[in-house]
């Protein structure tokens, strides 16, 4: 498993500067490919619990007709649980394919 420590940046909300600043997280690198994500893949982001996000590569049919957002917003306090969520995601994936 690849564990990354990232810093939450600030970004203008979609309404522009007048809408205020919001937390922003940008993910990039070959480690995403190593984790099974490729350029062009669509990703579902689930807020599993407070402080915990789960990112899953999905097909368009899996998205339940919900549009994708170009960025994932994560409060800085929520990053610490990533490794635990990834472990749970692995268990869910194994169970789904069993």
PDB file of N, CA and C in Angstrom:
ATOM      1  N   UNK A   1       0.845  -1.178   0.000  1.00  0.00           N
ATOM      2  CA  UNK A   1       0.000   0.000   0.000  1.00  0.00           C
ATOM      3  C   UNK A   1       0.888   1.238   0.000  1.00  0.00           C
ATOM      4  N   UNK A   2       0.467   2.220  -0.763  1.00  0.00           N
ATOM      5  CA  UNK A   2       1.182   3.480  -0.824  1.00  0.00           C
ATOM      6  C   UNK A   2       0.485   4.487   0.081  1.00  0.00           C
ATOM      7  N   UNK A   3       1.224   5.074   0.981  1.00  0.00           N
ATOM      8  CA  UNK A   3       0.673   6.089   1.869  1.00  0.00           C
ATOM      9  C   UNK A   3       1.334   7.406   1.525  1.00  0.00           C
ATOM     10  N   UNK A   4       0.548   8.424   1.314  1.00  0.00           N
ATOM     11  CA  UNK A   4       1.052   9.752   0.989  1.00  0.00           C
ATOM     12  C   UNK A   4       0.557  10.738   2.030  1.00  0.00           C
ATOM     13  N   UNK A   5       1.415  11.649   2.421  1.00  0.00           N
ATOM     14  CA  UNK A   5       1.033  12.745   3.305  1.00  0.00           C
ATOM     15  C   UNK A   5       0.913  13.980   2.431  1.00  0.00           C
ATOM     16  N   UNK A   6      -0.278  14.544   2.365  1.00  0.00           N
ATOM     17  CA  UNK A   6      -0.549  15.682   1.495  1.00  0.00           C
ATOM     18  C   UNK A   6      -0.986  16.876   2.327  1.00  0.00           C
ATOM     19  N   UNK A   7      -0.888  18.044   1.741  1.00  0.00           N
ATOM     20  CA  UNK A   7      -1.313  19.268   2.405  1.00  0.00           C
ATOM     21  C   UNK A   7      -2.544  19.808   1.699  1.00  0.00           C
ATOM     22  N   UNK A   8      -3.540  20.165   2.469  1.00  0.00           N
ATOM     23  CA  UNK A   8      -4.747  20.753   1.911  1.00  0.00           C
ATOM     24  C   UNK A   8      -4.447  22.198   1.522  1.00  0.00           C
ATOM     25  N   UNK A   9      -4.735  22.530   0.278  1.00  0.00           N
ATOM     26  CA  UNK A   9      -4.536  23.882  -0.226  1.00  0.00           C
ATOM     27  C   UNK A   9      -5.855  24.637  -0.147  1.00  0.00           C
ATOM     28  N   UNK A  10      -5.811  25.908  -0.459  1.00  0.00           N
ATOM     29  CA  UNK A  10      -7.017  26.714  -0.562  1.00  0.00           C
ATOM     30  C   UNK A  10      -7.285  27.024  -2.015  1.00  0.00           C
ATOM     31  N   UNK A  11      -8.537  27.068  -2.376  1.00  0.00           N
ATOM     32  CA  UNK A  11      -8.912  27.369  -3.748  1.00  0.00           C
ATOM     33  C   UNK A  11     -10.169  28.225  -3.729  1.00  0.00           C
ATOM     34  N   UNK A  12     -10.354  29.024  -4.771  1.00  0.00           N
ATOM     35  CA  UNK A  12     -11.588  29.791  -4.871  1.00  0.00           C
ATOM     36  C   UNK A  12     -12.746  28.844  -5.135  1.00  0.00           C
ATOM     37  N   UNK A  13     -13.863  29.072  -4.471  1.00  0.00           N
ATOM     38  CA  UNK A  13     -15.059  28.259  -4.706  1.00  0.00           C
ATOM     39  C   UNK A  13     -15.498  28.422  -6.144  1.00  0.00           C
ATOM     40  N   UNK A  14     -16.346  27.517  -6.627  1.00  0.00           N
ATOM     41  CA  UNK A  14     -16.754  27.537  -8.033  1.00  0.00           C
ATOM     42  C   UNK A  14     -17.425  28.836  -8.434  1.00  0.00           C
ATOM     43  N   UNK A  15     -17.954  29.592  -7.501  1.00  0.00           N
ATOM     44  CA  UNK A  15     -18.573  30.869  -7.816  1.00  0.00           C
ATOM     45  C   UNK A  15     -17.570  31.998  -7.998  1.00  0.00           C
ATOM     46  N   UNK A  16     -16.279  31.691  -7.947  1.00  0.00           N
ATOM     47  CA  UNK A  16     -15.245  32.705  -8.092  1.00  0.00           C
ATOM     48  C   UNK A  16     -14.815  33.263  -6.748  1.00  0.00           C
ATOM     49  N   UNK A  17     -13.983  34.282  -6.788  1.00  0.00           N
ATOM     50  CA  UNK A  17     -13.413  34.852  -5.566  1.00  0.00           C
ATOM     51  C   UNK A  17     -14.492  35.353  -4.610  1.00  0.00           C
ATOM     52  N   UNK A  18     -15.608  35.848  -5.143  1.00  0.00           N
ATOM     53  CA  UNK A  18     -16.670  36.370  -4.282  1.00  0.00           C
ATOM     54  C   UNK A  18     -17.348  35.260  -3.487  1.00  0.00           C
ATOM     55  N   UNK A  19     -17.220  34.008  -3.931  1.00  0.00           N
ATOM     56  CA  UNK A  19     -17.830  32.882  -3.220  1.00  0.00           C
ATOM     57  C   UNK A  19     -16.962  32.412  -2.054  1.00  0.00           C
ATOM     58  N   UNK A  20     -15.734  32.912  -1.953  1.00  0.00           N
ATOM     59  CA  UNK A  20     -14.860  32.545  -0.844  1.00  0.00           C
ATOM     60  C   UNK A  20     -13.889  31.429  -1.181  1.00  0.00           C
ATOM     61  N   UNK A  21     -13.072  31.106  -0.194  1.00  0.00           N
ATOM     62  CA  UNK A  21     -12.051  30.067  -0.371  1.00  0.00           C
ATOM     63  C   UNK A  21     -12.551  28.766   0.241  1.00  0.00           C
ATOM     64  N   UNK A  22     -12.155  27.659  -0.351  1.00  0.00           N
ATOM     65  CA  UNK A  22     -12.521  26.329   0.142  1.00  0.00           C
ATOM     66  C   UNK A  22     -11.273  25.452   0.175  1.00  0.00           C
ATOM     67  N   UNK A  23     -11.255  24.414   1.007  1.00  0.00           N
ATOM     68  CA  UNK A  23     -10.121  23.495   1.017  1.00  0.00           C
ATOM     69  C   UNK A  23     -10.049  22.740  -0.322  1.00  0.00           C
ATOM     70  N   UNK A  24      -8.840  22.445  -0.779  1.00  0.00           N
ATOM     71  CA  UNK A  24      -8.658  21.732  -2.040  1.00  0.00           C
ATOM     72  C   UNK A  24      -7.525  20.718  -1.896  1.00  0.00           C
ATOM     73  N   UNK A  25      -7.672  19.597  -2.575  1.00  0.00           N
ATOM     74  CA  UNK A  25      -6.647  18.551  -2.570  1.00  0.00           C
ATOM     75  C   UNK A  25      -6.433  18.096  -3.997  1.00  0.00           C
ATOM     76  N   UNK A  26      -5.187  18.132  -4.460  1.00  0.00           N
ATOM     77  CA  UNK A  26      -4.833  17.722  -5.818  1.00  0.00           C
ATOM     78  C   UNK A  26      -3.997  16.455  -5.717  1.00  0.00           C
ATOM     79  N   UNK A  27      -4.429  15.405  -6.402  1.00  0.00           N
ATOM     80  CA  UNK A  27      -3.691  14.138  -6.402  1.00  0.00           C
ATOM     81  C   UNK A  27      -3.057  13.942  -7.770  1.00  0.00           C
ATOM     82  N   UNK A  28      -1.767  13.637  -7.805  1.00  0.00           N
ATOM     83  CA  UNK A  28      -1.105  13.318  -9.057  1.00  0.00           C
ATOM     84  C   UNK A  28       0.145  12.502  -8.774  1.00  0.00           C
ATOM     85  N   UNK A  29       0.549  11.724  -9.755  1.00  0.00           N
ATOM     86  CA  UNK A  29       1.780  10.954  -9.632  1.00  0.00           C
ATOM     87  C   UNK A  29       1.608   9.517 -10.094  1.00  0.00           C
ATOM     88  N   UNK A  30       2.730   8.889 -10.363  1.00  0.00           N
ATOM     89  CA  UNK A  30       2.697   7.496 -10.810  1.00  0.00           C
ATOM     90  C   UNK A  30       2.155   6.553  -9.741  1.00  0.00           C
ATOM     91  N   UNK A  31       2.189   6.981  -8.476  1.00  0.00           N
ATOM     92  CA  UNK A  31       1.642   6.150  -7.409  1.00  0.00           C
ATOM     93  C   UNK A  31       0.150   5.913  -7.616  1.00  0.00           C
ATOM     94  N   UNK A  32      -0.567   6.831  -8.283  1.00  0.00           N
ATOM     95  CA  UNK A  32      -1.981   6.603  -8.595  1.00  0.00           C
ATOM     96  C   UNK A  32      -2.129   5.444  -9.577  1.00  0.00           C
ATOM     97  N   UNK A  33      -1.250   5.400 -10.563  1.00  0.00           N
ATOM     98  CA  UNK A  33      -1.250   4.283 -11.509  1.00  0.00           C
ATOM     99  C   UNK A  33      -0.941   2.979 -10.783  1.00  0.00           C
ATOM    100  N   UNK A  34       0.034   3.016  -9.899  1.00  0.00           N
ATOM    101  CA  UNK A  34       0.372   1.826  -9.113  1.00  0.00           C
ATOM    102  C   UNK A  34      -0.808   1.356  -8.266  1.00  0.00           C
ATOM    103  N   UNK A  35      -1.675   2.301  -7.891  1.00  0.00           N
ATOM    104  CA  UNK A  35      -2.847   1.976  -7.078  1.00  0.00           C
ATOM    105  C   UNK A  35      -4.049   1.559  -7.935  1.00  0.00           C
ATOM    106  N   UNK A  36      -3.870   1.503  -9.258  1.00  0.00           N
ATOM    107  CA  UNK A  36      -4.932   1.019 -10.124  1.00  0.00           C
ATOM    108  C   UNK A  36      -5.750   2.085 -10.821  1.00  0.00           C
ATOM    109  N   UNK A  37      -5.294   3.345 -10.789  1.00  0.00           N
ATOM    110  CA  UNK A  37      -6.005   4.428 -11.455  1.00  0.00           C
ATOM    111  C   UNK A  37      -5.233   4.837 -12.705  1.00  0.00           C
ATOM    112  N   UNK A  38      -5.957   5.035 -13.807  1.00  0.00           N
ATOM    113  CA  UNK A  38      -5.319   5.431 -15.065  1.00  0.00           C
ATOM    114  C   UNK A  38      -5.903   6.765 -15.533  1.00  0.00           C
ATOM    115  N   UNK A  39      -5.171   7.430 -16.397  1.00  0.00           N
ATOM    116  CA  UNK A  39      -5.660   8.671 -16.985  1.00  0.00           C
ATOM    117  C   UNK A  39      -6.989   8.388 -17.666  1.00  0.00           C
ATOM    118  N   UNK A  40      -7.981   9.214 -17.396  1.00  0.00           N
ATOM    119  CA  UNK A  40      -9.302   9.051 -17.993  1.00  0.00           C
ATOM    120  C   UNK A  40     -10.281   8.244 -17.158  1.00  0.00           C
ATOM    121  N   UNK A  41      -9.789   7.539 -16.129  1.00  0.00           N
ATOM    122  CA  UNK A  41     -10.695   6.795 -15.257  1.00  0.00           C
ATOM    123  C   UNK A  41     -11.639   7.751 -14.544  1.00  0.00           C
ATOM    124  N   UNK A  42     -12.846   7.283 -14.281  1.00  0.00           N
ATOM    125  CA  UNK A  42     -13.764   8.038 -13.459  1.00  0.00           C
ATOM    126  C   UNK A  42     -13.662   7.496 -12.033  1.00  0.00           C
ATOM    127  N   UNK A  43     -13.855   8.392 -11.061  1.00  0.00           N
ATOM    128  CA  UNK A  43     -13.661   8.032  -9.655  1.00  0.00           C
ATOM    129  C   UNK A  43     -14.881   8.435  -8.853  1.00  0.00           C
ATOM    130  N   UNK A  44     -15.354   7.522  -8.013  1.00  0.00           N
ATOM    131  CA  UNK A  44     -16.422   7.844  -7.063  1.00  0.00           C
ATOM    132  C   UNK A  44     -15.755   8.179  -5.742  1.00  0.00           C
ATOM    133  N   UNK A  45     -16.200   9.261  -5.108  1.00  0.00           N
ATOM    134  CA  UNK A  45     -15.670   9.685  -3.815  1.00  0.00           C
ATOM    135  C   UNK A  45     -16.787   9.557  -2.796  1.00  0.00           C
ATOM    136  N   UNK A  46     -16.561   8.752  -1.769  1.00  0.00           N
ATOM    137  CA  UNK A  46     -17.545   8.553  -0.714  1.00  0.00           C
ATOM    138  C   UNK A  46     -17.001   9.106   0.598  1.00  0.00           C
ATOM    139  N   UNK A  47     -17.814   9.875   1.287  1.00  0.00           N
ATOM    140  CA  UNK A  47     -17.485  10.295   2.649  1.00  0.00           C
ATOM    141  C   UNK A  47     -17.938   9.160   3.558  1.00  0.00           C
ATOM    142  N   UNK A  48     -17.012   8.273   3.913  1.00  0.00           N
ATOM    143  CA  UNK A  48     -17.329   7.070   4.681  1.00  0.00           C
ATOM    144  C   UNK A  48     -17.746   7.432   6.097  1.00  0.00           C
ATOM    145  N   UNK A  49     -17.016   8.334   6.691  1.00  0.00           N
ATOM    146  CA  UNK A  49     -17.318   8.846   8.023  1.00  0.00           C
ATOM    147  C   UNK A  49     -16.555  10.149   8.177  1.00  0.00           C
ATOM    148  N   UNK A  50     -16.799  10.855   9.267  1.00  0.00           N
ATOM    149  CA  UNK A  50     -16.076  12.105   9.489  1.00  0.00           C
ATOM    150  C   UNK A  50     -14.582  11.825   9.466  1.00  0.00           C
ATOM    151  N   UNK A  51     -13.851  12.539   8.652  1.00  0.00           N
ATOM    152  CA  UNK A  51     -12.409  12.374   8.572  1.00  0.00           C
ATOM    153  C   UNK A  51     -11.953  11.266   7.651  1.00  0.00           C
ATOM    154  N   UNK A  52     -12.856  10.717   6.836  1.00  0.00           N
ATOM    155  CA  UNK A  52     -12.492   9.543   6.052  1.00  0.00           C
ATOM    156  C   UNK A  52     -13.173   9.561   4.680  1.00  0.00           C
ATOM    157  N   UNK A  53     -12.371   9.563   3.602  1.00  0.00           N
ATOM    158  CA  UNK A  53     -12.892   9.487   2.239  1.00  0.00           C
ATOM    159  C   UNK A  53     -12.441   8.196   1.592  1.00  0.00           C
ATOM    160  N   UNK A  54     -13.271   7.654   0.718  1.00  0.00           N
ATOM    161  CA  UNK A  54     -12.940   6.460  -0.042  1.00  0.00           C
ATOM    162  C   UNK A  54     -13.034   6.805  -1.516  1.00  0.00           C
ATOM    163  N   UNK A  55     -11.941   6.636  -2.264  1.00  0.00           N
ATOM    164  CA  UNK A  55     -11.927   6.883  -3.695  1.00  0.00           C
ATOM    165  C   UNK A  55     -11.904   5.544  -4.404  1.00  0.00           C
ATOM    166  N   UNK A  56     -12.841   5.338  -5.344  1.00  0.00           N
ATOM    167  CA  UNK A  56     -12.967   4.065  -6.049  1.00  0.00           C
ATOM    168  C   UNK A  56     -13.085   4.316  -7.537  1.00  0.00           C
ATOM    169  N   UNK A  57     -12.286   3.594  -8.325  1.00  0.00           N
ATOM    170  CA  UNK A  57     -12.413   3.677  -9.776  1.00  0.00           C
ATOM    171  C   UNK A  57     -13.716   2.991 -10.161  1.00  0.00           C
ATOM    172  N   UNK A  58     -14.517   3.648 -10.998  1.00  0.00           N
ATOM    173  CA  UNK A  58     -15.815   3.091 -11.376  1.00  0.00           C
ATOM    174  C   UNK A  58     -16.070   3.275 -12.868  1.00  0.00           C
ATOM    175  N   UNK A  59     -17.058   2.536 -13.357  1.00  0.00           N
ATOM    176  CA  UNK A  59     -17.511   2.735 -14.727  1.00  0.00           C
ATOM    177  C   UNK A  59     -18.659   3.738 -14.701  1.00  0.00           C
ATOM    178  N   UNK A  60     -19.024   4.257 -15.854  1.00  0.00           N
ATOM    179  CA  UNK A  60     -20.101   5.242 -15.919  1.00  0.00           C
ATOM    180  C   UNK A  60     -21.413   4.677 -15.386  1.00  0.00           C
ATOM    181  N   UNK A  61     -21.676   3.393 -15.620  1.00  0.00           N
ATOM    182  CA  UNK A  61     -22.913   2.781 -15.144  1.00  0.00           C
ATOM    183  C   UNK A  61     -22.996   2.785 -13.620  1.00  0.00           C
ATOM    184  N   UNK A  62     -21.847   2.735 -12.951  1.00  0.00           N
ATOM    185  CA  UNK A  62     -21.811   2.697 -11.489  1.00  0.00           C
ATOM    186  C   UNK A  62     -22.108   4.046 -10.849  1.00  0.00           C
ATOM    187  N   UNK A  63     -22.094   5.095 -11.615  1.00  0.00           N
ATOM    188  CA  UNK A  63     -22.204   6.423 -11.041  1.00  0.00           C
ATOM    189  C   UNK A  63     -23.633   6.848 -10.722  1.00  0.00           C
ATOM    190  N   UNK A  64     -24.613   6.004 -11.075  1.00  0.00           N
ATOM    191  CA  UNK A  64     -26.018   6.325 -10.804  1.00  0.00           C
ATOM    192  C   UNK A  64     -26.401   7.683 -11.376  1.00  0.00           C
ATOM    193  N   UNK A  65     -25.869   7.998 -12.556  1.00  0.00           N
ATOM    194  CA  UNK A  65     -26.190   9.219 -13.275  1.00  0.00           C
ATOM    195  C   UNK A  65     -25.839  10.493 -12.513  1.00  0.00           C
ATOM    196  N   UNK A  66     -24.930  10.418 -11.557  1.00  0.00           N
ATOM    197  CA  UNK A  66     -24.485  11.614 -10.849  1.00  0.00           C
ATOM    198  C   UNK A  66     -23.243  12.160 -11.548  1.00  0.00           C
ATOM    199  N   UNK A  67     -23.198  13.472 -11.808  1.00  0.00           N
ATOM    200  CA  UNK A  67     -22.038  14.038 -12.497  1.00  0.00           C
ATOM    201  C   UNK A  67     -20.789  14.001 -11.618  1.00  0.00           C
ATOM    202  N   UNK A  68     -19.650  13.907 -12.268  1.00  0.00           N
ATOM    203  CA  UNK A  68     -18.372  13.932 -11.556  1.00  0.00           C
ATOM    204  C   UNK A  68     -17.959  15.369 -11.281  1.00  0.00           C
ATOM    205  N   UNK A  69     -17.310  15.589 -10.157  1.00  0.00           N
ATOM    206  CA  UNK A  69     -16.747  16.895  -9.838  1.00  0.00           C
ATOM    207  C   UNK A  69     -15.271  16.878 -10.193  1.00  0.00           C
ATOM    208  N   UNK A  70     -14.719  17.991 -10.639  1.00  0.00           N
ATOM    209  CA  UNK A  70     -13.323  17.991 -11.055  1.00  0.00           C
ATOM    210  C   UNK A  70     -12.330  17.932  -9.900  1.00  0.00           C
ATOM    211  N   UNK A  71     -12.751  18.252  -8.688  1.00  0.00           N
ATOM    212  CA  UNK A  71     -11.852  18.235  -7.543  1.00  0.00           C
ATOM    213  C   UNK A  71     -12.509  17.519  -6.373  1.00  0.00           C
ATOM    214  N   UNK A  72     -11.696  16.999  -5.485  1.00  0.00           N
ATOM    215  CA  UNK A  72     -12.181  16.390  -4.248  1.00  0.00           C
ATOM    216  C   UNK A  72     -11.832  17.340  -3.114  1.00  0.00           C
ATOM    217  N   UNK A  73     -12.802  17.757  -2.317  1.00  0.00           N
ATOM    218  CA  UNK A  73     -12.579  18.682  -1.213  1.00  0.00           C
ATOM    219  C   UNK A  73     -12.507  17.879   0.072  1.00  0.00           C
ATOM    220  N   UNK A  74     -11.396  17.987   0.796  1.00  0.00           N
ATOM    221  CA  UNK A  74     -11.201  17.230   2.021  1.00  0.00           C
ATOM    222  C   UNK A  74     -10.655  18.165   3.097  1.00  0.00           C
ATOM    223  N   UNK A  75     -11.373  18.309   4.223  1.00  0.00           N
ATOM    224  CA  UNK A  75     -10.816  19.104   5.321  1.00  0.00           C
ATOM    225  C   UNK A  75      -9.506  18.486   5.804  1.00  0.00           C
ATOM    226  N   UNK A  76      -8.579  19.323   6.182  1.00  0.00           N
ATOM    227  CA  UNK A  76      -7.253  18.857   6.581  1.00  0.00           C
ATOM    228  C   UNK A  76      -7.313  17.831   7.706  1.00  0.00           C
ATOM    229  N   UNK A  77      -8.271  17.961   8.605  1.00  0.00           N
ATOM    230  CA  UNK A  77      -8.374  17.047   9.740  1.00  0.00           C
ATOM    231  C   UNK A  77      -8.734  15.628   9.308  1.00  0.00           C
ATOM    232  N   UNK A  78      -9.186  15.437   8.077  1.00  0.00           N
ATOM    233  CA  UNK A  78      -9.695  14.141   7.647  1.00  0.00           C
ATOM    234  C   UNK A  78      -8.667  13.261   6.937  1.00  0.00           C
ATOM    235  N   UNK A  79      -7.487  13.736   6.709  1.00  0.00           N
ATOM    236  CA  UNK A  79      -6.513  12.978   5.926  1.00  0.00           C
ATOM    237  C   UNK A  79      -5.953  11.752   6.667  1.00  0.00           C
ATOM    238  N   UNK A  80      -5.867  11.795   7.983  1.00  0.00           N
ATOM    239  CA  UNK A  80      -5.185  10.753   8.750  1.00  0.00           C
ATOM    240  C   UNK A  80      -5.781   9.359   8.600  1.00  0.00           C
ATOM    241  N   UNK A  81      -7.035   9.215   8.219  1.00  0.00           N
ATOM    242  CA  UNK A  81      -7.695   7.911   8.172  1.00  0.00           C
ATOM    243  C   UNK A  81      -7.563   7.209   6.824  1.00  0.00           C
ATOM    244  N   UNK A  82      -6.776   7.719   5.905  1.00  0.00           N
ATOM    245  CA  UNK A  82      -6.696   7.171   4.553  1.00  0.00           C
ATOM    246  C   UNK A  82      -6.248   5.705   4.552  1.00  0.00           C
ATOM    247  N   UNK A  83      -5.254   5.352   5.312  1.00  0.00           N
ATOM    248  CA  UNK A  83      -4.757   3.976   5.290  1.00  0.00           C
ATOM    249  C   UNK A  83      -5.818   2.991   5.782  1.00  0.00           C
ATOM    250  N   UNK A  84      -6.563   3.356   6.820  1.00  0.00           N
ATOM    251  CA  UNK A  84      -7.607   2.476   7.346  1.00  0.00           C
ATOM    252  C   UNK A  84      -8.713   2.284   6.310  1.00  0.00           C
ATOM    253  N   UNK A  85      -9.078   3.334   5.613  1.00  0.00           N
ATOM    254  CA  UNK A  85     -10.120   3.250   4.593  1.00  0.00           C
ATOM    255  C   UNK A  85      -9.663   2.381   3.430  1.00  0.00           C
ATOM    256  N   UNK A  86      -8.413   2.523   3.035  1.00  0.00           N
ATOM    257  CA  UNK A  86      -7.894   1.724   1.933  1.00  0.00           C
ATOM    258  C   UNK A  86      -7.933   0.239   2.279  1.00  0.00           C
ATOM    259  N   UNK A  87      -7.626  -0.095   3.508  1.00  0.00           N
ATOM    260  CA  UNK A  87      -7.695  -1.486   3.947  1.00  0.00           C
ATOM    261  C   UNK A  87      -9.129  -1.999   3.860  1.00  0.00           C
ATOM    262  N   UNK A  88     -10.071  -1.206   4.333  1.00  0.00           N
ATOM    263  CA  UNK A  88     -11.484  -1.591   4.260  1.00  0.00           C
ATOM    264  C   UNK A  88     -11.935  -1.716   2.809  1.00  0.00           C
ATOM    265  N   UNK A  89     -11.471  -0.823   1.955  1.00  0.00           N
ATOM    266  CA  UNK A  89     -11.832  -0.887   0.538  1.00  0.00           C
ATOM    267  C   UNK A  89     -11.319  -2.186  -0.086  1.00  0.00           C
ATOM    268  N   UNK A  90     -10.128  -2.590   0.287  1.00  0.00           N
ATOM    269  CA  UNK A  90      -9.589  -3.859  -0.199  1.00  0.00           C
ATOM    270  C   UNK A  90     -10.451  -5.032   0.227  1.00  0.00           C
ATOM    271  N   UNK A  91     -10.930  -4.997   1.475  1.00  0.00           N
ATOM    272  CA  UNK A  91     -11.813  -6.067   1.962  1.00  0.00           C
ATOM    273  C   UNK A  91     -13.123  -6.084   1.180  1.00  0.00           C
ATOM    274  N   UNK A  92     -13.679  -4.898   0.935  1.00  0.00           N
ATOM    275  CA  UNK A  92     -14.940  -4.812   0.180  1.00  0.00           C
ATOM    276  C   UNK A  92     -14.748  -5.331  -1.242  1.00  0.00           C
ATOM    277  N   UNK A  93     -13.641  -4.976  -1.854  1.00  0.00           N
ATOM    278  CA  UNK A  93     -13.369  -5.424  -3.212  1.00  0.00           C
ATOM    279  C   UNK A  93     -13.242  -6.937  -3.279  1.00  0.00           C
ATOM    280  N   UNK A  94     -12.517  -7.507  -2.325  1.00  0.00           N
ATOM    281  CA  UNK A  94     -12.387  -8.962  -2.285  1.00  0.00           C
ATOM    282  C   UNK A  94     -13.730  -9.629  -2.077  1.00  0.00           C
ATOM    283  N   UNK A  95     -14.569  -9.078  -1.198  1.00  0.00           N
ATOM    284  CA  UNK A  95     -15.884  -9.646  -0.931  1.00  0.00           C
ATOM    285  C   UNK A  95     -16.785  -9.556  -2.170  1.00  0.00           C
ATOM    286  N   UNK A  96     -16.692  -8.453  -2.896  1.00  0.00           N
ATOM    287  CA  UNK A  96     -17.529  -8.258  -4.081  1.00  0.00           C
ATOM    288  C   UNK A  96     -17.153  -9.220  -5.201  1.00  0.00           C
ATOM    289  N   UNK A  97     -15.894  -9.620  -5.245  1.00  0.00           N
ATOM    290  CA  UNK A  97     -15.423 -10.522  -6.299  1.00  0.00           C
ATOM    291  C   UNK A  97     -15.343 -11.977  -5.855  1.00  0.00           C
ATOM    292  N   UNK A  98     -15.811 -12.252  -4.648  1.00  0.00           N
ATOM    293  CA  UNK A  98     -15.757 -13.636  -4.140  1.00  0.00           C
ATOM    294  C   UNK A  98     -16.934 -14.443  -4.649  1.00  0.00           C
TER     295      UNK A  98
END
